[in-house]
Amino acid sequence: MDGDEEFRFISYNIPNLHYIEDYLDFDQINPWRLPDEFEIRDALETIKQMNGKVARMYVLSVRKKGESKKIIRHVEAPGVFDEEAFRTLDKVMQIANEVGVRVIIPFIDNWWWWGGPEEYAAFRNKSKDEFWTDPQLISDFKRTIEFLLLRRNIYTGELYKDDKALFGWETGNELVCSYSWTKEIASFIKSLDPNHIVIEGTHAQTLTEDAISDPNIDVLTTHHYTRIDETMKNILKNEQLAKEKKPYYIGEFGLNSLENLKTIVDTVINSNLSGILLWSLRSHNRDGGFYMHLEKNGFGSYRFPGFVSGIAYNEKEMIDFMRAKAYEIDGKTAPPLEIPASPKLLDIKDIYHISWQGSVGASSYIIERRESGGDVWTVIVDSVTDADIAYKPLFMDTTAVLGHKYFYRVIAKNESGKSEHSNEVGPVKVDFLKIIDEMIDDSKIFKKEGVIEPILFKEIYQVKEDNSRLEAQSGSSVIYKVPESISSFLVDVFMRNNVCGITLLASDSLNNFTPLAAKIESFPPHKNVYGFLTPVKYSCDEFPHGTKYVKILCNDEAQLSRVEIEYTKK
């Protein structure tokens, strides 16, 4: 209940709300970082505009044995906590209060992604299985719970156990443990915080009598990723088990066909369930665009208000459906989208690196330019999205004139209207021109030799969410025709085996290519089950006089990601 009204919700999980696992710039080895205020506010304001009311974050991260100290983790050791990480969580709660969205906080993960029982056990040189029964390990975990519940938010002055933005504490995420552990932990949470609900966080699709009867478990939840017939059977069974005993909601669902997802949501609304949370939503990135996270089965994270680049998993249709249902569960009709707020244009390195912090609910953007010394703004593109390219510049001004200086600004828009224009950035002088190839097709390539195939929206979780590459077999090559006075050449490539698998060559014709002395930088990826390919950057800024052609020769299997050729016309 929320006061005198029943509290029901259709909303999302936001794994990155307090801790980002998708910092995937090409040259970043460490994928972890803390979100800033813009990203937190963007995520929670998105929930608000979709009438979601509740957001479930992921767990508190735990230091892994032997990992780089550059990786920030919430729990550094027993009773040792990273203050910067928890200040970020403080900011989440502050903004949640301001926006009017409640937050679910699970304490620990069953899986190894962010650290969990195995890491707590490793602090004491014990095994993962001992975490559930060893008094010392249980005590260590309770210290984490106590630290958070009794922490005073540095921004609001509230203790977490008194924070009204908190929906509830979840014992963990998809835990596999005996109920005796859950019973002890739930009782401990309640002893410190009788004001908030406690949720059992186990890896089960059906409710247990233990959880239903436990006085310290207030709300019941399950996760569902199985076949639709099995999922529906379990949900309806759980509804009957919980009926007139405790509230029940679906904590995770998704990674399924659109029609099946619609069936599940409609069942929640038409049954006696409190709510449902879709997996998962990603926010805008402070550096431009969105954070993206494609699952191995081809389903991506959702971005509001939905984009063509997410058509493979029906992103826009699902976003529209979820928003409509979030109002329907309250007996209301969804209003039109809000007109977007003004975006923020970021500093511009050059005319080929233009990005902005996006606006909640914006479907596209207008980019305007004016000459330095002039007062007339000209639209240079009337509809560009910030959702097609991840972790790269969002726009390049290919119509700028060499030697001129320009100011830029951006306007956000959606079906309801346009924002006010952004801040102005400039003057930006055009000192050089570039050929930039994002490998969307082969239109910028002068000649191909060997076996070279485009890869679009395929296995992008292995390659920094790069949705357009060219896959080249060993011995294959691509040739670019370059105007006179080339000053630099850069190619980003993903390698599976040999990080020195590329040779750069130059020629004044197509007959006598000579090797270039390239600088090679490798960025070994963070290890996980996805089997990340290694990002390698090849660059060169010294060329023989009269160079007109540059060849990329693949000595090993490679995926070409991006080419930049800088030159100046005579």
Protein backbone atom coordinates (compact mmCIF):
# COMPACT_ATOMS: atom_id res chain seq x y z
CA MET A 1 0.00 0.00 0.00
CA ASP A 2 1.02 3.59 -0.62
CA GLY A 3 -1.04 5.42 1.96
CA ASP A 4 -4.63 4.37 1.29
CA GLU A 5 -3.97 3.18 -2.26
CA GLU A 6 -2.69 -0.15 -3.50
CA PHE A 7 0.81 0.21 -4.92
CA ARG A 8 1.18 -1.54 -8.28
CA PHE A 9 3.86 -1.02 -10.92
CA ILE A 10 5.08 -1.91 -14.40
CA SER A 11 8.74 -0.94 -14.57
CA TYR A 12 12.37 -1.92 -15.14
CA ASN A 13 15.58 -3.24 -13.69
CA ILE A 14 18.42 -0.69 -14.09
CA PRO A 15 21.65 -2.62 -13.39
CA ASN A 16 23.83 0.45 -14.00
CA LEU A 17 21.87 2.81 -11.78
CA HIS A 18 24.58 2.97 -9.11
CA TYR A 19 27.53 1.18 -10.72
CA ILE A 20 28.35 1.02 -14.42
CA GLU A 21 29.59 -2.23 -15.93
CA ASP A 22 29.42 -0.96 -19.53
CA TYR A 23 32.19 1.64 -19.80
CA LEU A 24 33.25 0.27 -23.17
CA ASP A 25 35.24 2.96 -24.95
CA PHE A 26 37.63 1.32 -27.41
CA ASP A 27 40.75 2.08 -25.37
CA GLN A 28 39.28 1.30 -21.94
CA ILE A 29 40.57 -1.87 -20.28
CA ASN A 30 38.45 -1.38 -17.16
CA PRO A 31 34.70 -1.52 -17.97
CA TRP A 32 33.65 -0.36 -14.49
CA ARG A 33 33.01 3.20 -13.35
CA LEU A 34 30.62 5.10 -11.13
CA PRO A 35 27.73 6.99 -12.75
CA ASP A 36 27.61 10.75 -12.39
CA GLU A 37 24.60 12.85 -11.45
CA PHE A 38 23.52 13.31 -15.07
CA GLU A 39 23.39 9.55 -15.67
CA ILE A 40 21.56 8.79 -12.42
CA ARG A 41 19.01 11.52 -12.99
CA ASP A 42 18.55 10.45 -16.62
CA ALA A 43 17.78 6.86 -15.56
CA LEU A 44 15.33 7.77 -12.80
CA GLU A 45 13.64 10.50 -14.83
CA THR A 46 13.14 7.89 -17.56
CA ILE A 47 11.32 5.65 -15.07
CA LYS A 48 9.24 8.63 -13.98
CA GLN A 49 8.23 9.55 -17.54
CA MET A 50 7.17 5.93 -18.14
CA ASN A 51 5.15 5.90 -14.88
CA GLY A 52 7.31 3.05 -13.64
CA LYS A 53 7.39 4.11 -9.97
CA VAL A 54 10.00 1.46 -9.00
CA ALA A 55 13.55 0.75 -10.22
CA ARG A 56 15.56 -2.29 -9.17
CA MET A 57 19.31 -1.82 -9.24
CA TYR A 58 21.91 -4.57 -9.20
CA VAL A 59 23.91 -5.66 -6.16
CA LEU A 60 26.78 -4.17 -4.17
CA SER A 61 30.04 -5.10 -5.89
CA VAL A 62 32.76 -7.01 -4.01
CA ARG A 63 36.54 -6.92 -4.52
CA LYS A 64 37.83 -9.94 -6.46
CA LYS A 65 41.09 -11.60 -5.52
CA GLY A 66 44.02 -10.32 -7.57
CA GLU A 67 42.08 -7.78 -9.63
CA SER A 68 43.35 -4.28 -10.41
CA LYS A 69 42.95 -1.73 -7.65
CA LYS A 70 41.81 0.68 -10.36
CA ILE A 71 38.50 -1.16 -10.33
CA ILE A 72 36.18 0.44 -7.79
CA ARG A 73 34.22 -2.02 -5.62
CA HIS A 74 31.74 -1.28 -2.84
CA VAL A 75 33.13 -3.92 -0.50
CA GLU A 76 36.95 -3.91 -0.34
CA ALA A 77 37.36 -6.37 2.54
CA PRO A 78 35.39 -7.41 5.64
CA GLY A 79 34.13 -4.15 7.12
CA VAL A 80 36.09 -2.06 4.59
CA PHE A 81 34.00 -0.05 2.13
CA ASP A 82 34.75 2.33 -0.71
CA GLU A 83 33.41 5.73 0.29
CA GLU A 84 33.24 7.05 -3.28
CA ALA A 85 31.08 4.11 -4.37
CA PHE A 86 28.68 4.61 -1.47
CA ARG A 87 28.53 8.36 -2.07
CA THR A 88 27.32 7.51 -5.57
CA LEU A 89 24.59 5.37 -4.00
CA ASP A 90 23.80 8.33 -1.75
CA LYS A 91 23.28 10.40 -4.89
CA VAL A 92 20.95 7.74 -6.30
CA MET A 93 18.76 7.95 -3.20
CA GLN A 94 18.81 11.77 -3.20
CA ILE A 95 17.64 11.91 -6.82
CA ALA A 96 15.11 9.11 -6.30
CA ASN A 97 13.51 11.24 -3.60
CA GLU A 98 13.52 14.30 -5.83
CA VAL A 99 12.10 12.50 -8.87
CA GLY A 100 9.62 10.36 -6.95
CA VAL A 101 10.83 6.85 -7.83
CA ARG A 102 11.35 4.07 -5.30
CA VAL A 103 14.46 1.89 -5.39
CA ILE A 104 15.03 -1.80 -4.66
CA ILE A 105 18.52 -2.62 -3.32
CA PRO A 106 19.70 -6.27 -3.43
CA PHE A 107 22.73 -6.95 -1.24
CA ILE A 108 24.71 -9.75 -2.91
CA ASP A 109 24.89 -11.63 -6.19
CA ASN A 110 24.75 -15.37 -6.75
CA TRP A 111 26.75 -14.92 -9.95
CA TRP A 112 30.39 -13.94 -10.33
CA TRP A 113 29.95 -10.77 -12.42
CA TRP A 114 30.23 -8.19 -9.64
CA GLY A 115 31.53 -10.39 -6.84
CA GLY A 116 29.54 -12.29 -4.22
CA PRO A 117 29.80 -15.29 -1.88
CA GLU A 118 33.05 -16.51 -3.42
CA GLU A 119 34.69 -13.13 -2.88
CA TYR A 120 33.49 -12.80 0.72
CA ALA A 121 34.84 -16.30 1.37
CA ALA A 122 38.17 -15.49 -0.32
CA PHE A 123 38.74 -12.64 2.13
CA ARG A 124 39.06 -15.33 4.81
CA ASN A 125 40.69 -18.01 2.61
CA LYS A 126 37.55 -20.08 2.68
CA SER A 127 35.38 -21.70 0.00
CA LYS A 128 32.27 -20.26 -1.63
CA ASP A 129 30.03 -22.97 -0.14
CA GLU A 130 31.10 -21.99 3.38
CA PHE A 131 29.60 -18.52 2.89
CA TRP A 132 26.13 -19.82 3.75
CA THR A 133 27.03 -21.54 7.03
CA ASP A 134 30.35 -20.22 8.36
CA PRO A 135 29.69 -17.86 11.32
CA GLN A 136 32.64 -15.62 10.45
CA LEU A 137 31.54 -15.18 6.81
CA ILE A 138 27.94 -14.55 7.83
CA SER A 139 29.21 -11.97 10.30
CA ASP A 140 31.27 -10.30 7.57
CA PHE A 141 28.21 -10.07 5.34
CA LYS A 142 26.13 -8.64 8.19
CA ARG A 143 28.74 -5.90 8.59
CA THR A 144 27.98 -4.83 5.01
CA ILE A 145 24.25 -4.80 5.72
CA GLU A 146 24.71 -2.86 8.94
CA PHE A 147 27.03 -0.36 7.24
CA LEU A 148 24.44 0.46 4.59
CA LEU A 149 21.31 0.45 6.73
CA LEU A 150 22.87 2.72 9.33
CA ARG A 151 24.70 4.93 6.84
CA ARG A 152 23.72 8.60 6.80
CA ASN A 153 23.30 9.93 3.28
CA ILE A 154 25.82 12.74 2.78
CA TYR A 155 23.40 14.64 0.51
CA THR A 156 20.10 14.28 2.38
CA GLY A 157 21.19 13.63 5.97
CA GLU A 158 18.82 10.63 6.14
CA LEU A 159 19.78 7.22 7.41
CA TYR A 160 19.12 4.57 4.76
CA LYS A 161 16.82 2.76 7.16
CA ASP A 162 14.67 5.90 7.26
CA ASP A 163 14.80 6.80 3.54
CA LYS A 164 11.33 7.00 2.00
CA ALA A 165 12.70 6.48 -1.53
CA LEU A 166 13.70 2.93 -0.62
CA PHE A 167 11.14 0.38 -1.81
CA GLY A 168 12.83 -2.44 0.07
CA TRP A 169 15.89 -4.54 0.80
CA GLU A 170 16.43 -7.74 -1.20
CA THR A 171 18.59 -10.41 0.42
CA GLY A 172 20.39 -10.89 -2.89
CA ASN A 173 20.11 -11.59 -6.58
CA GLU A 174 19.11 -15.12 -7.60
CA LEU A 175 20.80 -16.72 -4.60
CA VAL A 176 21.11 -20.50 -4.31
CA CYS A 177 21.13 -21.17 -0.59
CA SER A 178 19.34 -22.93 2.22
CA TYR A 179 16.42 -21.11 3.77
CA SER A 180 18.18 -21.07 7.14
CA TRP A 181 20.61 -18.45 5.72
CA THR A 182 17.76 -16.37 4.29
CA LYS A 183 15.88 -16.59 7.57
CA GLU A 184 18.87 -15.36 9.56
CA ILE A 185 19.65 -12.51 7.16
CA ALA A 186 16.02 -11.36 6.89
CA SER A 187 15.73 -11.32 10.67
CA PHE A 188 18.93 -9.30 10.94
CA ILE A 189 17.73 -6.73 8.39
CA LYS A 190 14.43 -6.34 10.25
CA SER A 191 16.23 -5.90 13.57
CA LEU A 192 18.00 -2.85 12.14
CA ASP A 193 15.23 -1.52 9.90
CA PRO A 194 11.61 -2.34 10.76
CA ASN A 195 10.42 0.47 8.44
CA HIS A 196 11.10 -1.10 5.05
CA ILE A 197 10.03 -4.32 3.40
CA VAL A 198 12.40 -7.27 3.09
CA ILE A 199 12.38 -9.36 -0.09
CA GLU A 200 13.74 -12.88 -0.53
CA GLY A 201 16.23 -12.89 -3.40
CA THR A 202 16.58 -16.54 -4.42
CA HIS A 203 17.05 -18.24 -7.79
CA ALA A 204 13.62 -19.82 -8.01
CA GLN A 205 10.56 -19.59 -10.25
CA THR A 206 8.15 -20.86 -7.63
CA LEU A 207 7.45 -19.58 -4.13
CA THR A 208 8.28 -21.62 -1.07
CA GLU A 209 6.24 -22.09 2.07
CA ASP A 210 9.28 -20.99 4.07
CA ALA A 211 9.22 -17.51 2.52
CA ILE A 212 5.45 -17.25 2.63
CA SER A 213 5.34 -18.02 6.35
CA ASP A 214 8.48 -16.12 7.43
CA PRO A 215 7.35 -12.97 9.35
CA ASN A 216 10.52 -11.14 8.28
CA ILE A 217 9.87 -11.61 4.56
CA ASP A 218 7.27 -9.02 3.59
CA VAL A 219 7.00 -9.27 -0.19
CA LEU A 220 7.51 -12.26 -2.50
CA THR A 221 9.20 -12.26 -5.90
CA THR A 222 10.41 -14.60 -8.66
CA HIS A 223 12.41 -14.30 -11.90
CA HIS A 224 11.30 -15.80 -15.22
CA TYR A 225 13.29 -16.51 -18.40
CA THR A 226 11.92 -19.92 -19.39
CA ARG A 227 9.45 -21.03 -22.10
CA ILE A 228 6.19 -19.11 -22.02
CA ASP A 229 4.10 -22.14 -21.06
CA GLU A 230 6.34 -22.92 -18.10
CA THR A 231 6.54 -19.26 -17.09
CA MET A 232 2.77 -18.80 -17.16
CA LYS A 233 2.19 -21.99 -15.21
CA ASN A 234 4.59 -20.89 -12.47
CA ILE A 235 3.27 -17.32 -12.27
CA LEU A 236 -0.34 -18.45 -11.88
CA LYS A 237 0.71 -21.05 -9.29
CA ASN A 238 2.62 -18.40 -7.34
CA GLU A 239 -0.36 -16.07 -7.45
CA GLN A 240 -2.49 -18.68 -5.73
CA LEU A 241 0.19 -19.50 -3.16
CA ALA A 242 0.60 -15.83 -2.21
CA LYS A 243 -3.08 -14.89 -2.38
CA GLU A 244 -4.33 -13.17 0.79
CA LYS A 245 -0.98 -13.87 2.45
CA LYS A 246 1.65 -11.55 1.01
CA PRO A 247 2.14 -9.22 -1.98
CA TYR A 248 3.87 -10.86 -4.94
CA TYR A 249 5.63 -9.31 -7.94
CA ILE A 250 7.87 -10.51 -10.77
CA GLY A 251 11.36 -9.16 -10.14
CA GLU A 252 12.86 -10.02 -13.52
CA PHE A 253 11.56 -11.13 -16.90
CA GLY A 254 12.59 -10.57 -20.51
CA LEU A 255 14.91 -11.95 -23.21
CA ASN A 256 11.89 -13.41 -24.99
CA SER A 257 9.61 -12.68 -27.92
CA LEU A 258 7.49 -9.56 -27.86
CA GLU A 259 4.22 -11.49 -27.85
CA ASN A 260 5.34 -13.64 -24.91
CA LEU A 261 6.42 -10.58 -22.94
CA LYS A 262 3.06 -8.94 -23.59
CA THR A 263 1.28 -12.06 -22.33
CA ILE A 264 3.25 -11.99 -19.09
CA VAL A 265 2.59 -8.28 -18.44
CA ASP A 266 -1.13 -8.60 -19.17
CA THR A 267 -1.31 -11.55 -16.78
CA VAL A 268 0.25 -9.43 -14.04
CA ILE A 269 -2.27 -6.64 -14.59
CA ASN A 270 -5.28 -8.95 -14.73
CA SER A 271 -4.19 -11.05 -11.75
CA ASN A 272 -3.52 -10.22 -8.14
CA LEU A 273 0.15 -9.38 -8.66
CA SER A 274 1.71 -6.19 -7.38
CA GLY A 275 3.97 -5.55 -10.33
CA ILE A 276 6.65 -6.62 -12.77
CA LEU A 277 10.16 -5.42 -13.70
CA LEU A 278 11.58 -5.90 -17.20
CA TRP A 279 15.25 -6.74 -17.70
CA SER A 280 16.76 -4.22 -18.42
CA LEU A 281 16.99 -0.44 -19.00
CA ARG A 282 20.13 1.57 -19.77
CA SER A 283 20.57 5.32 -19.38
CA HIS A 284 22.27 7.95 -21.46
CA ASN A 285 26.06 8.05 -21.24
CA ARG A 286 27.69 11.24 -19.89
CA ASP A 287 30.08 11.11 -22.88
CA GLY A 288 27.26 10.96 -25.44
CA GLY A 289 24.79 8.35 -26.64
CA PHE A 290 23.54 5.48 -24.48
CA TYR A 291 25.19 2.74 -22.49
CA MET A 292 24.49 -0.44 -24.40
CA HIS A 293 24.50 -4.07 -23.32
CA LEU A 294 23.56 -6.80 -25.77
CA GLU A 295 22.90 -10.18 -24.20
CA LYS A 296 24.43 -13.30 -25.78
CA ASN A 297 21.07 -14.42 -27.15
CA GLY A 298 20.67 -11.23 -29.19
CA PHE A 299 18.35 -9.28 -26.89
CA GLY A 300 19.58 -5.81 -26.01
CA SER A 301 18.91 -3.48 -23.13
CA TYR A 302 16.06 -1.03 -23.61
CA ARG A 303 16.52 2.69 -24.23
CA PHE A 304 13.68 5.17 -23.95
CA PRO A 305 11.73 6.01 -26.12
CA GLY A 306 12.95 3.16 -28.37
CA PHE A 307 14.99 3.27 -31.56
CA VAL A 308 15.33 1.64 -34.97
CA SER A 309 18.72 0.25 -33.93
CA GLY A 310 16.82 -1.92 -31.42
CA ILE A 311 14.42 -3.35 -33.99
CA ALA A 312 15.92 -6.85 -33.68
CA TYR A 313 14.35 -7.13 -30.22
CA ASN A 314 11.35 -4.85 -30.88
CA GLU A 315 12.70 -2.13 -28.62
CA LYS A 316 10.33 0.71 -29.46
CA GLU A 317 7.23 -1.46 -29.54
CA MET A 318 8.12 -2.94 -26.15
CA ILE A 319 8.89 0.49 -24.67
CA ASP A 320 5.55 1.84 -25.92
CA PHE A 321 3.74 -1.23 -24.58
CA MET A 322 5.38 -1.06 -21.15
CA ARG A 323 4.62 2.64 -20.81
CA ALA A 324 0.97 2.14 -21.74
CA LYS A 325 0.66 -0.74 -19.28
CA ALA A 326 2.36 1.24 -16.50
CA TYR A 327 -0.57 3.65 -16.70
CA GLU A 328 -3.16 0.94 -17.30
CA ILE A 329 -2.28 -0.85 -14.05
CA ASP A 330 -3.36 2.39 -12.31
CA GLY A 331 -6.55 2.57 -14.37
CA LYS A 332 -5.22 5.43 -16.49
CA THR A 333 -4.43 6.15 -20.13
CA ALA A 334 -0.87 7.08 -20.99
CA PRO A 335 -0.50 10.79 -21.83
CA PRO A 336 1.62 12.03 -24.75
CA LEU A 337 5.37 11.98 -24.23
CA GLU A 338 6.83 15.00 -22.52
CA ILE A 339 8.67 17.44 -24.76
CA PRO A 340 12.37 16.75 -24.16
CA ALA A 341 14.52 19.04 -22.06
CA SER A 342 17.45 20.75 -23.75
CA PRO A 343 20.46 18.50 -24.38
CA LYS A 344 23.97 19.50 -23.37
CA LEU A 345 26.50 19.82 -26.18
CA LEU A 346 29.91 18.53 -25.08
CA ASP A 347 33.24 20.14 -25.88
CA ILE A 348 34.13 19.64 -29.54
CA LYS A 349 37.62 18.33 -30.30
CA ASP A 350 37.13 18.84 -34.04
CA ILE A 351 34.27 18.71 -36.53
CA TYR A 352 34.50 14.91 -36.65
CA HIS A 353 33.99 14.45 -32.92
CA ILE A 354 30.64 16.04 -32.01
CA SER A 355 28.65 14.52 -29.14
CA TRP A 356 26.08 15.62 -26.58
CA GLN A 357 24.42 14.44 -23.40
CA GLY A 358 21.01 13.24 -24.52
CA SER A 359 17.57 14.29 -23.28
CA VAL A 360 15.12 11.87 -21.66
CA GLY A 361 12.48 10.84 -24.19
CA ALA A 362 14.20 12.38 -27.23
CA SER A 363 13.89 10.28 -30.36
CA SER A 364 16.28 12.39 -32.46
CA TYR A 365 18.18 15.68 -32.58
CA ILE A 366 18.60 18.70 -34.83
CA ILE A 367 22.13 20.04 -35.23
CA GLU A 368 22.63 23.70 -36.11
CA ARG A 369 25.77 25.59 -37.10
CA ARG A 370 26.74 29.22 -37.61
CA GLU A 371 29.89 30.82 -38.98
CA SER A 372 32.15 32.59 -36.51
CA GLY A 373 31.30 36.27 -36.72
CA GLY A 374 27.85 35.58 -38.16
CA ASP A 375 24.47 35.48 -36.44
CA VAL A 376 22.49 33.08 -38.69
CA TRP A 377 22.03 29.50 -37.50
CA THR A 378 21.74 26.88 -40.24
CA VAL A 379 20.33 23.38 -39.79
CA ILE A 380 22.99 20.97 -41.02
CA VAL A 381 21.03 17.83 -40.06
CA ASP A 382 17.38 17.74 -39.05
CA SER A 383 17.20 14.24 -37.58
CA VAL A 384 20.12 12.36 -36.07
CA THR A 385 19.76 9.76 -33.33
CA ASP A 386 22.09 9.17 -30.39
CA ALA A 387 21.25 5.46 -30.21
CA ASP A 388 22.89 3.98 -33.31
CA ILE A 389 26.55 4.31 -32.32
CA ALA A 390 27.91 3.33 -28.93
CA TYR A 391 31.06 4.73 -27.34
CA LYS A 392 32.02 6.81 -30.38
CA PRO A 393 31.33 10.38 -31.57
CA LEU A 394 27.66 10.82 -32.44
CA PHE A 395 28.08 13.14 -35.40
CA MET A 396 30.69 14.48 -37.83
CA ASP A 397 30.22 17.63 -39.87
CA THR A 398 31.32 16.63 -43.36
CA THR A 399 30.02 19.86 -44.94
CA ALA A 400 32.33 22.19 -43.00
CA VAL A 401 34.78 24.21 -45.11
CA LEU A 402 38.51 23.98 -44.56
CA GLY A 403 39.87 27.07 -42.82
CA HIS A 404 36.49 28.27 -41.52
CA LYS A 405 35.40 28.54 -37.86
CA TYR A 406 31.99 27.45 -36.59
CA PHE A 407 29.72 27.42 -33.55
CA TYR A 408 27.34 24.48 -32.93
CA ARG A 409 24.17 23.79 -30.94
CA VAL A 410 21.70 20.90 -30.65
CA ILE A 411 17.90 20.60 -30.25
CA ALA A 412 16.13 17.47 -28.97
CA LYS A 413 12.79 16.37 -30.37
CA ASN A 414 10.17 13.66 -30.22
CA GLU A 415 6.57 13.21 -31.37
CA SER A 416 5.40 15.83 -28.87
CA GLY A 417 7.70 18.65 -29.92
CA LYS A 418 11.15 20.22 -29.75
CA SER A 419 13.32 21.31 -26.84
CA GLU A 420 14.98 24.65 -26.46
CA HIS A 421 18.41 24.64 -28.06
CA SER A 422 21.44 23.46 -26.11
CA ASN A 423 24.43 25.48 -25.07
CA GLU A 424 26.62 26.78 -27.90
CA VAL A 425 30.12 25.37 -28.42
CA GLY A 426 32.81 27.04 -30.52
CA PRO A 427 34.50 28.50 -32.36
CA VAL A 428 35.76 25.24 -33.88
CA LYS A 429 38.34 25.81 -36.61
CA VAL A 430 38.53 23.37 -39.51
CA ASP A 431 42.30 22.78 -39.76
CA PHE A 432 42.09 19.50 -41.68
CA LEU A 433 39.67 17.15 -43.42
CA LYS A 434 39.09 13.47 -42.74
CA ILE A 435 37.81 10.31 -44.28
CA ILE A 436 36.06 8.39 -41.49
CA ASP A 437 34.76 4.89 -42.12
CA GLU A 438 32.53 3.30 -39.46
CA MET A 439 32.28 0.12 -41.58
CA ILE A 440 28.51 0.42 -41.99
CA ASP A 441 29.12 -0.63 -45.59
CA ASP A 442 32.04 -0.65 -48.04
CA SER A 443 31.17 2.60 -49.82
CA LYS A 444 34.30 4.43 -48.60
CA ILE A 445 36.68 1.63 -49.55
CA PHE A 446 38.46 2.00 -52.89
CA LYS A 447 39.26 -1.70 -53.32
CA LYS A 448 38.85 -4.98 -51.43
CA GLU A 449 41.00 -8.08 -51.82
CA GLY A 450 40.26 -11.50 -50.32
CA VAL A 451 37.38 -12.57 -48.07
CA ILE A 452 35.81 -9.55 -46.39
CA GLU A 453 32.26 -9.54 -45.03
CA PRO A 454 30.23 -6.86 -43.20
CA ILE A 455 29.06 -7.68 -39.67
CA LEU A 456 25.99 -5.71 -38.61
CA PHE A 457 24.38 -6.12 -35.15
CA LYS A 458 26.05 -9.50 -34.59
CA GLU A 459 27.93 -10.62 -31.47
CA ILE A 460 28.52 -7.03 -30.48
CA TYR A 461 28.91 -8.02 -26.83
CA GLN A 462 32.36 -9.37 -27.84
CA VAL A 463 33.48 -6.10 -29.44
CA LYS A 464 32.62 -3.13 -27.22
CA GLU A 465 29.01 -3.03 -28.51
CA ASP A 466 30.29 -2.08 -31.98
CA ASN A 467 27.38 -2.87 -34.29
CA SER A 468 29.16 -2.37 -37.62
CA ARG A 469 32.47 -4.01 -38.53
CA LEU A 470 34.15 -5.64 -41.51
CA GLU A 471 35.41 -9.18 -40.88
CA ALA A 472 38.54 -9.97 -42.88
CA GLN A 473 40.14 -13.37 -43.23
CA SER A 474 43.92 -13.80 -43.12
CA GLY A 475 45.53 -12.45 -46.28
CA SER A 476 42.66 -10.11 -47.09
CA SER A 477 43.07 -6.36 -47.45
CA VAL A 478 41.23 -3.09 -48.01
CA ILE A 479 42.59 -0.08 -49.84
CA TYR A 480 41.62 3.55 -49.32
CA LYS A 481 42.27 6.24 -51.89
CA VAL A 482 43.50 9.33 -50.10
CA PRO A 483 43.76 12.96 -51.29
CA GLU A 484 47.18 14.60 -51.33
CA SER A 485 48.93 15.67 -48.12
CA ILE A 486 47.81 12.86 -45.84
CA SER A 487 48.88 13.67 -42.28
CA SER A 488 47.67 10.70 -40.21
CA PHE A 489 46.05 7.31 -40.51
CA LEU A 490 44.33 5.37 -37.73
CA VAL A 491 42.52 2.04 -37.71
CA ASP A 492 40.72 0.39 -34.80
CA VAL A 493 40.54 -3.38 -35.11
CA PHE A 494 39.39 -6.31 -32.98
CA MET A 495 41.69 -9.33 -32.97
CA ARG A 496 40.90 -12.85 -31.84
CA ASN A 497 44.42 -14.25 -31.84
CA ASN A 498 47.38 -12.10 -32.90
CA VAL A 499 47.48 -8.49 -31.72
CA CYS A 500 50.09 -7.74 -34.42
CA GLY A 501 47.90 -9.10 -37.18
CA ILE A 502 47.69 -5.92 -39.29
CA THR A 503 50.21 -4.35 -41.66
CA LEU A 504 49.75 -0.80 -42.99
CA LEU A 505 51.15 -0.01 -46.42
CA ALA A 506 51.28 3.09 -48.62
CA SER A 507 51.66 3.75 -52.34
CA ASP A 508 51.48 6.48 -54.96
CA SER A 509 49.85 3.90 -57.25
CA LEU A 510 48.34 0.45 -56.89
CA ASN A 511 51.50 -1.38 -57.89
CA ASN A 512 54.23 -0.74 -55.34
CA PHE A 513 52.99 -0.71 -51.76
CA THR A 514 55.61 -0.25 -49.04
CA PRO A 515 55.10 -0.94 -45.31
CA LEU A 516 54.51 1.97 -42.92
CA ALA A 517 56.02 2.23 -39.46
CA ALA A 518 52.82 1.97 -37.45
CA LYS A 519 52.37 2.55 -33.74
CA ILE A 520 50.49 -0.36 -32.18
CA GLU A 521 48.47 -0.06 -28.95
CA SER A 522 46.64 -3.05 -27.49
CA PHE A 523 43.88 -2.86 -24.87
CA PRO A 524 43.46 -6.35 -23.36
CA PRO A 525 39.82 -6.78 -22.38
CA HIS A 526 38.33 -7.51 -18.99
CA LYS A 527 37.85 -11.28 -18.87
CA ASN A 528 34.40 -12.86 -18.74
CA VAL A 529 32.36 -15.59 -20.39
CA TYR A 530 31.56 -13.46 -23.44
CA GLY A 531 34.99 -14.12 -24.93
CA PHE A 532 35.87 -10.50 -25.67
CA LEU A 533 38.10 -9.86 -28.67
CA THR A 534 41.18 -7.70 -28.12
CA PRO A 535 40.91 -4.06 -29.26
CA VAL A 536 44.05 -2.90 -31.07
CA LYS A 537 44.76 0.58 -32.41
CA TYR A 538 47.17 1.08 -35.32
CA SER A 539 48.27 4.61 -36.17
CA CYS A 540 50.77 6.33 -38.40
CA ASP A 541 51.68 9.98 -38.96
CA GLU A 542 54.64 9.69 -41.36
CA PHE A 543 54.01 8.98 -45.06
CA PRO A 544 56.12 8.89 -48.25
CA HIS A 545 55.71 11.91 -50.51
CA GLY A 546 52.89 11.47 -53.01
CA THR A 547 50.99 8.85 -51.03
CA LYS A 548 47.56 8.37 -52.59
CA TYR A 549 46.64 4.88 -51.42
CA VAL A 550 46.76 3.23 -48.00
CA LYS A 551 46.31 -0.52 -47.62
CA ILE A 552 45.28 -2.46 -44.50
CA LEU A 553 46.63 -6.00 -44.88
CA CYS A 554 45.25 -8.57 -42.43
CA ASN A 555 47.90 -11.13 -41.52
CA ASP A 556 45.41 -12.87 -39.26
CA GLU A 557 41.63 -12.97 -38.86
CA ALA A 558 40.48 -9.46 -37.87
CA GLN A 559 37.40 -7.29 -37.52
CA LEU A 560 37.91 -3.73 -38.73
CA SER A 561 36.01 -1.26 -36.55
CA ARG A 562 36.87 2.28 -37.61
CA VAL A 563 39.27 4.07 -39.95
CA GLU A 564 40.28 7.73 -39.73
CA ILE A 565 42.39 9.32 -42.48
CA GLU A 566 43.37 12.93 -41.88
CA TYR A 567 44.48 15.11 -44.79
CA THR A 568 44.63 18.68 -46.04
CA LYS A 569 43.68 19.70 -49.56
CA LYS A 570 46.29 21.70 -51.47
